[in-house]
Protein backbone atom coordinates (compact mmCIF):
# COMPACT_ATOMS: atom_id res chain seq x y z
CA MET A 1 0.14 0.28 -0.28
CA ASN A 2 1.51 3.41 -1.21
CA VAL A 3 0.46 5.77 1.53
CA ALA A 4 -0.30 8.91 0.03
CA GLY A 5 1.81 11.67 1.00
CA ASN A 6 0.61 15.14 2.87
CA ARG A 7 1.40 16.42 6.58
CA ASN A 8 -0.97 14.13 7.79
CA LEU A 9 -0.21 11.15 5.72
CA ASN A 10 3.42 11.81 5.53
CA ALA A 11 3.30 11.52 9.56
CA SER A 12 1.06 8.35 9.24
CA ALA A 13 3.50 6.52 7.02
CA LYS A 14 6.66 7.35 9.45
CA ASN A 15 4.59 6.88 12.54
CA LYS A 16 2.31 3.87 11.81
CA GLN A 17 4.66 1.78 9.64
CA ASP A 18 1.66 1.02 7.25
CA GLU A 19 3.13 0.73 3.88
CA PHE A 20 2.63 -2.39 2.54
CA TYR A 21 2.65 -3.75 -1.04
CA THR A 22 0.20 -6.71 -2.38
CA GLN A 23 1.13 -9.55 -3.95
CA LEU A 24 -0.04 -10.14 -7.56
CA SER A 25 -1.64 -13.33 -6.40
CA LEU A 26 -3.52 -12.03 -3.54
CA ILE A 27 -5.26 -9.87 -6.36
CA GLU A 28 -5.36 -12.18 -9.14
CA SER A 29 -7.16 -14.15 -6.37
CA GLU A 30 -9.73 -11.62 -5.92
CA LEU A 31 -10.35 -9.80 -8.74
CA LYS A 32 -11.28 -13.00 -10.93
CA HIS A 33 -14.55 -12.76 -9.48
CA TYR A 34 -15.46 -9.41 -10.80
CA LYS A 35 -14.86 -9.34 -14.30
CA GLU A 36 -18.06 -8.33 -15.79
CA HIS A 37 -17.53 -5.18 -13.96
CA PHE A 38 -15.21 -3.46 -15.76
CA LYS A 39 -15.95 -3.58 -19.73
CA GLY A 40 -15.36 -0.07 -20.86
CA LYS A 41 -14.66 1.23 -17.33
CA VAL A 42 -11.98 3.91 -16.22
CA VAL A 43 -9.94 2.43 -13.35
CA LEU A 44 -8.14 4.29 -10.88
CA CYS A 45 -5.36 3.12 -8.35
CA ASN A 46 -4.75 6.02 -6.58
CA CYS A 47 -2.59 4.57 -3.74
CA ASP A 48 0.11 3.10 -5.96
CA ASP A 49 3.70 3.79 -7.30
CA PRO A 50 2.81 2.81 -10.95
CA PHE A 51 6.27 0.99 -11.16
CA GLU A 52 6.24 -0.96 -7.99
CA SER A 53 2.13 -1.85 -7.82
CA ASN A 54 0.89 -5.01 -8.39
CA PHE A 55 -2.26 -3.47 -8.61
CA PHE A 56 -1.13 -1.16 -11.98
CA LYS A 57 0.59 -4.67 -12.89
CA TYR A 58 -2.65 -6.47 -13.16
CA PHE A 59 -4.42 -4.04 -14.92
CA ALA A 60 -1.91 -3.50 -17.50
CA ILE A 61 -1.65 -7.19 -18.31
CA ASN A 62 -5.45 -7.61 -18.39
CA PHE A 63 -6.28 -4.39 -20.15
CA ASN A 64 -7.74 -5.76 -23.35
CA SER A 65 -8.90 -8.99 -21.72
CA LEU A 66 -11.00 -6.81 -19.17
CA GLU A 67 -11.79 -4.43 -21.78
CA LEU A 68 -10.77 -1.55 -19.77
CA LYS A 69 -11.09 2.25 -21.36
CA LYS A 70 -8.54 3.36 -18.81
CA LEU A 71 -6.29 2.80 -16.33
CA ILE A 72 -4.85 5.70 -14.25
CA ALA A 73 -2.00 5.46 -11.25
CA THR A 74 -0.43 7.72 -9.06
CA CYS A 75 2.20 7.83 -6.53
CA TYR A 76 2.90 10.30 -3.84
CA ALA A 77 5.94 12.20 -3.21
CA THR A 78 7.35 10.94 0.27
CA SER A 79 7.16 6.92 -0.80
CA PRO A 80 10.49 5.34 0.39
CA ILE A 81 10.71 3.25 -2.92
CA VAL A 82 9.85 5.56 -5.59
CA TYR A 83 12.65 5.63 -7.97
CA THR A 84 14.64 3.30 -5.56
CA GLN A 85 13.68 -0.13 -6.43
CA LEU A 86 13.33 -2.19 -9.94
CA ASN A 87 10.34 -1.87 -11.17
CA LEU A 88 7.75 -3.94 -12.09
CA PHE A 89 8.81 -4.70 -15.54
CA GLY A 90 12.18 -6.26 -14.39
CA ASP A 91 14.75 -3.48 -14.94
CA GLU A 92 14.88 0.51 -14.10
CA ILE A 93 12.80 2.78 -16.30
CA ILE A 94 14.35 6.28 -15.58
CA VAL A 95 12.16 8.73 -17.48
CA SER A 96 14.77 11.84 -17.28
CA LYS A 97 17.36 13.08 -14.81
CA GLU A 98 15.06 15.72 -13.75
CA GLU A 99 12.23 13.69 -12.71
CA ASN A 100 14.33 11.01 -10.68
CA THR A 101 13.80 13.51 -7.70
CA LYS A 102 10.79 11.69 -5.84
CA LYS A 103 8.37 13.87 -7.27
CA PRO A 104 5.03 12.32 -7.78
CA TYR A 105 3.29 11.17 -10.57
CA LYS A 106 0.74 9.60 -12.70
CA ILE A 107 0.11 7.18 -15.66
CA GLU A 108 -2.50 7.13 -17.72
CA ILE A 109 -3.32 4.57 -20.29
CA THR A 110 -6.15 4.17 -22.81
CA GLU A 111 -4.76 1.12 -25.03
CA VAL A 112 -2.41 -1.74 -24.56
CA THR A 113 -1.22 -2.44 -28.48
CA ASP A 114 1.46 -4.97 -29.77
CA GLU A 115 4.09 -2.23 -29.65
CA ASN A 116 7.44 -4.49 -30.27
CA GLN A 117 5.33 -6.55 -32.65
CA ASP A 118 5.85 -9.91 -30.98
CA GLY A 119 2.34 -11.02 -31.77
CA ARG A 120 1.05 -10.52 -28.31
CA THR A 121 -0.15 -7.80 -26.05
CA ASP A 122 1.90 -7.98 -22.65
CA LEU A 123 3.87 -6.27 -20.29
CA ALA A 124 6.99 -5.81 -22.71
CA ASP A 125 4.58 -3.87 -24.58
CA VAL A 126 3.28 -1.40 -21.63
CA GLU A 127 7.11 -0.65 -21.00
CA TYR A 128 7.52 0.14 -24.26
CA LEU A 129 4.70 2.44 -24.31
CA LEU A 130 5.81 4.12 -21.35
CA ARG A 131 9.22 4.57 -22.69
CA ASN A 132 8.36 6.11 -26.25
CA ARG A 133 5.14 7.93 -25.31
CA LYS A 134 5.65 10.85 -22.98
CA ASN A 135 2.33 11.77 -22.43
CA ALA A 136 1.58 8.36 -21.05
CA LEU A 137 3.73 9.47 -17.71
CA THR A 138 3.24 13.05 -16.20
CA LEU A 139 4.47 14.69 -13.20
CA LEU A 140 2.02 15.83 -10.80
CA GLN A 141 1.93 19.35 -9.50
CA GLY A 142 1.06 18.42 -5.73
CA ASP A 143 2.50 15.85 -3.75
CA GLY A 144 0.31 12.79 -5.00
CA ASP A 145 -2.35 12.65 -1.42
CA PHE A 146 -5.28 10.68 -2.66
CA ARG A 147 -7.28 13.70 -1.25
CA SER A 148 -5.32 16.66 -2.77
CA ASP A 149 -7.40 18.78 -5.89
CA GLU A 150 -5.64 16.99 -8.64
CA CYS A 151 -6.00 13.57 -7.45
CA VAL A 152 -9.91 14.38 -6.58
CA GLU A 153 -10.06 15.43 -10.14
CA LEU A 154 -8.43 12.06 -11.02
CA LEU A 155 -10.93 10.04 -8.81
CA LYS A 156 -13.88 12.00 -10.51
CA GLN A 157 -12.96 10.42 -14.01
CA ALA A 158 -12.77 7.05 -12.46
CA ASP A 159 -15.55 4.38 -12.74
CA ILE A 160 -13.85 1.84 -10.28
CA VAL A 161 -11.08 2.14 -7.77
CA VAL A 162 -9.05 -0.47 -6.78
CA THR A 163 -6.06 -0.46 -4.65
CA ASN A 164 -4.72 -1.07 -0.75
CA PRO A 165 -5.20 2.11 1.12
CA PRO A 166 -2.85 2.89 4.37
CA PHE A 167 -5.10 1.10 7.44
CA SER A 168 -4.42 4.44 9.28
CA LEU A 169 -6.47 6.46 6.84
CA PHE A 170 -8.74 3.91 6.13
CA ARG A 171 -11.97 6.13 7.37
CA ASP A 172 -10.73 9.06 5.61
CA TYR A 173 -10.18 7.19 1.87
CA MET A 174 -13.65 5.26 2.56
CA ALA A 175 -15.53 8.34 3.21
CA GLN A 176 -14.05 9.73 -0.21
CA LEU A 177 -15.06 6.81 -2.10
CA ILE A 178 -18.76 7.29 -0.80
CA GLU A 179 -18.88 10.95 -1.27
CA TYR A 180 -18.04 10.54 -4.79
CA GLY A 181 -20.55 7.57 -5.29
CA LYS A 182 -17.50 5.12 -6.77
CA ASN A 183 -17.34 1.78 -7.22
CA PHE A 184 -14.47 0.40 -5.54
CA LEU A 185 -12.46 -2.97 -4.33
CA ILE A 186 -10.20 -2.01 -1.66
CA ILE A 187 -7.85 -4.45 0.71
CA GLY A 188 -8.83 -3.70 4.63
CA ASN A 189 -8.49 -4.95 8.15
CA LEU A 190 -11.83 -6.66 8.85
CA ASN A 191 -11.53 -4.91 12.56
CA ALA A 192 -12.77 -1.70 10.29
CA VAL A 193 -16.42 -3.39 10.14
CA LYS A 194 -16.83 -1.92 13.56
CA TYR A 195 -15.59 1.63 13.28
CA LYS A 196 -18.43 4.12 14.04
CA GLU A 197 -17.99 5.53 10.65
CA ILE A 198 -17.72 2.55 8.54
CA PHE A 199 -20.46 0.00 10.02
CA PRO A 200 -23.65 2.28 9.41
CA LEU A 201 -22.36 1.57 5.62
CA PHE A 202 -22.77 -1.85 5.99
CA MET A 203 -26.39 -1.37 7.88
CA THR A 204 -27.37 0.89 4.56
CA ASP A 205 -25.71 -1.98 1.87
CA LYS A 206 -23.91 -0.08 0.99
CA VAL A 207 -20.60 -1.60 1.35
CA TRP A 208 -20.15 -5.39 1.79
CA LEU A 209 -16.92 -7.75 1.93
CA GLY A 210 -15.56 -9.52 -1.24
CA ASN A 211 -14.53 -13.27 -1.96
CA ASN A 212 -11.66 -13.72 0.17
CA ALA A 213 -10.27 -12.68 3.94
CA GLY A 214 -7.49 -14.11 5.85
CA HIS A 215 -3.77 -13.77 6.90
CA TYR A 216 -1.47 -12.75 4.23
CA TRP A 217 2.23 -11.89 3.47
CA PHE A 218 2.90 -8.19 2.34
CA LYS A 219 6.48 -6.74 1.46
CA VAL A 220 7.41 -3.61 3.23
CA PRO A 221 10.14 -0.86 2.68
CA ASP A 222 13.56 -1.45 4.18
CA THR A 223 13.20 1.11 7.03
CA TYR A 224 10.59 -1.27 8.65
CA GLU A 225 12.15 -2.66 12.21
CA GLU A 226 12.23 -6.60 12.71
CA LYS A 227 9.17 -8.82 14.49
CA LYS A 228 9.75 -11.33 16.13
CA THR A 229 6.61 -13.19 14.81
CA ASP A 230 4.87 -12.35 11.12
CA PHE A 231 8.02 -11.31 9.94
CA LYS A 232 10.83 -12.55 7.33
CA ILE A 233 13.66 -11.57 5.20
CA ASP A 234 13.61 -13.40 1.83
CA GLU A 235 17.02 -14.70 0.17
CA THR A 236 16.93 -11.25 -1.53
CA GLY A 237 17.04 -9.25 1.35
CA GLN A 238 13.56 -8.05 1.02
CA LYS A 239 11.41 -7.63 4.28
CA TRP A 240 7.95 -9.21 4.47
CA ARG A 241 5.21 -8.86 7.38
CA ARG A 242 2.28 -10.71 7.78
CA MET A 243 -0.86 -9.19 7.88
CA GLY A 244 -3.81 -11.07 9.87
CA ASN A 245 -7.76 -10.26 9.53
CA ILE A 246 -7.09 -8.79 5.65
CA CYS A 247 -10.51 -8.68 3.54
CA TRP A 248 -11.70 -6.80 0.75
CA PHE A 249 -14.28 -4.08 1.24
CA THR A 250 -16.47 -3.67 -2.31
CA ASN A 251 -19.58 -2.25 -3.43
CA LEU A 252 -19.18 -4.30 -6.30
CA ASP A 253 -21.97 -7.59 -6.33
CA MET A 254 -20.48 -11.30 -6.49
CA LYS A 255 -21.58 -14.61 -6.93
CA LYS A 256 -20.42 -15.70 -3.16
CA ARG A 257 -22.69 -12.68 -1.74
CA HIS A 258 -26.00 -14.18 -2.61
CA GLU A 259 -24.78 -17.67 -1.20
CA ASP A 260 -26.60 -18.80 1.77
CA MET A 261 -24.60 -20.80 4.49
CA THR A 262 -25.50 -24.36 5.51
CA LEU A 263 -26.97 -24.20 9.14
CA PHE A 264 -27.14 -27.76 11.03
CA ARG A 265 -27.23 -26.58 14.72
CA GLU A 266 -30.59 -26.84 16.76
CA TYR A 267 -31.41 -24.16 19.21
CA SER A 268 -31.31 -24.88 22.91
CA SER A 269 -31.25 -22.16 25.48
CA GLY A 270 -28.73 -23.76 27.35
CA ALA A 271 -26.72 -23.70 24.30
CA TYR A 272 -27.13 -20.05 23.31
CA PRO A 273 -27.54 -17.66 26.13
CA LYS A 274 -28.61 -14.08 26.07
CA TYR A 275 -26.57 -10.94 26.90
CA ASP A 276 -27.04 -9.67 29.99
CA ASN A 277 -27.50 -6.21 28.50
CA TYR A 278 -29.42 -6.73 25.30
CA ASP A 279 -31.95 -9.35 24.18
CA ALA A 280 -30.34 -11.24 21.67
CA ILE A 281 -28.78 -14.76 21.72
CA GLU A 282 -24.72 -14.97 21.79
CA VAL A 283 -23.25 -17.48 19.19
CA SER A 284 -19.50 -17.24 19.61
CA HIS A 285 -18.92 -18.87 16.28
CA THR A 286 -20.45 -18.39 13.00
CA ALA A 287 -20.64 -21.94 11.93
CA ASP A 288 -22.73 -22.40 15.18
CA ILE A 289 -25.70 -20.49 14.16
CA PRO A 290 -28.61 -22.00 14.71
CA CYS A 291 -31.02 -23.28 11.72
CA ASP A 292 -34.39 -22.75 13.61
CA TYR A 293 -33.84 -19.42 15.14
CA TYR A 294 -35.16 -16.15 13.82
CA GLU A 295 -35.08 -13.74 16.45
CA THR A 296 -32.06 -11.49 17.14
CA ILE A 297 -28.56 -13.24 16.95
CA GLY A 298 -24.93 -11.60 18.34
CA VAL A 299 -22.16 -13.36 16.09
CA PRO A 300 -18.29 -12.29 15.87
CA ILE A 301 -17.52 -9.58 13.15
CA THR A 302 -16.06 -12.78 11.13
CA PHE A 303 -19.76 -13.37 10.05
CA MET A 304 -19.54 -10.62 7.65
CA THR A 305 -17.29 -12.60 5.35
CA ARG A 306 -20.48 -15.21 5.31
CA HIS A 307 -23.29 -12.73 5.04
CA SER A 308 -25.61 -13.11 2.51
CA PRO A 309 -28.12 -10.28 2.24
CA GLU A 310 -31.15 -12.85 1.55
CA GLN A 311 -30.71 -14.72 4.02
CA PHE A 312 -29.86 -12.57 6.86
CA SER A 313 -30.97 -9.03 8.00
CA ILE A 314 -27.84 -7.23 9.70
CA VAL A 315 -29.95 -5.00 12.63
CA GLY A 316 -26.90 -3.54 14.26
CA VAL A 317 -24.06 -4.10 16.70
CA LEU A 318 -22.66 -4.40 20.14
CA ASN A 319 -19.85 -2.68 20.54
CA SER A 320 -19.05 0.51 22.77
CA GLY A 321 -22.95 1.20 23.21
CA GLY A 322 -22.70 4.75 21.75
CA GLY A 323 -20.48 5.00 18.56
CA ASN A 324 -23.28 5.56 16.26
CA GLU A 325 -27.27 4.82 16.00
CA TYR A 326 -26.69 1.19 15.26
CA ASP A 327 -24.27 0.70 18.19
CA TYR A 328 -26.58 -0.26 21.00
CA ALA A 329 -24.63 -1.71 23.82
CA LYS A 330 -21.62 -3.51 25.07
CA ALA A 331 -21.64 -7.02 24.39
CA MET A 332 -22.02 -8.46 28.27
CA LEU A 333 -22.49 -12.08 29.30
CA ASN A 334 -22.20 -13.41 32.54
CA GLY A 335 -20.76 -9.70 33.99
CA LYS A 336 -17.96 -10.32 31.38
CA GLN A 337 -17.65 -7.69 28.06
CA LEU A 338 -17.06 -9.62 25.25
CA TYR A 339 -15.38 -8.50 21.95
CA THR A 340 -17.17 -6.81 19.57
CA ARG A 341 -20.90 -8.56 18.20
CA ILE A 342 -22.59 -8.03 14.69
CA LEU A 343 -26.81 -8.08 15.60
CA ILE A 344 -28.33 -10.14 12.84
CA ARG A 345 -31.82 -12.29 12.20
CA ARG A 346 -32.80 -14.59 9.56
CA LYS A 347 -35.14 -13.10 6.72
CA GLN A 348 -38.75 -14.03 7.35
CA GLU A 349 -39.27 -15.65 4.30
CA GLU A 350 -36.64 -17.99 5.62
CA ALA A 351 -38.91 -19.40 8.24
CA GLN A 352 -41.96 -19.93 5.80
């Protein structure tokens, strides 16, 4: 994730170390479920150094198969890797000595043709395009912050935004996407579901989770400190961090969203106690949701990775008891506070 850079963003990258670069395999495994959404669309990757980003690489490779109209990618001024590492094509592309000064830039591609006339279109053709069409790569006037005026203008052009935004600015990033009414597919932490600014979007069916979720490895800059766990350095010296509870946030429809869970547990009051302070039963594991209960149920936030709006309604959250209008109470059971619970209810037609 290439953190966009301005006064707040710079502090975020420096202090929180939340600059993570997504593996191509993770992108491919998710994007394959949304191909029909991209035909004739403008795609923006606005937290990505185009020479390093696997998001840019994915869309450049698949520009023609997805039938894209345009691909736009931007980098930010203070990225610790801009102009310093090997780019995604395998060797360094230095546009000019003047531009080799860590200035932010954008790349815009409207076609990928067989530039080198080898009978196919691939990354080699994109590299040729960038080397020989000067208007494909241009400097930005500002710092590349996704909230800057010129980057907002690029956002206005876009139909779909796909990237890995900085976790520390996830609220701001999501708010901007909603404000401008954009379709999106972005990486985030599952815990963001319970944020007071984010959860209402799930309640109002403006956001849902994508296909894949789990623990994944991300490349990180050399400046990152070593960790005892979830950290490694490969044979090339590249540092890696593993992040847990990673998932995709989107408003693009896909097949999985409409697949009901198979429920096989039967309800009994002994097995499913009620909360101390809210009229709902506690289900500590999503797999244990009873098949014959139609009142309010509290489930872990991991439920959201399995949620089908045809099978369940989301009715609220037990989190802090005051974060937003849908946050009704803390989840208290037998005098102990539990972690956040999502409140759900089976759709009535299921009972018929």
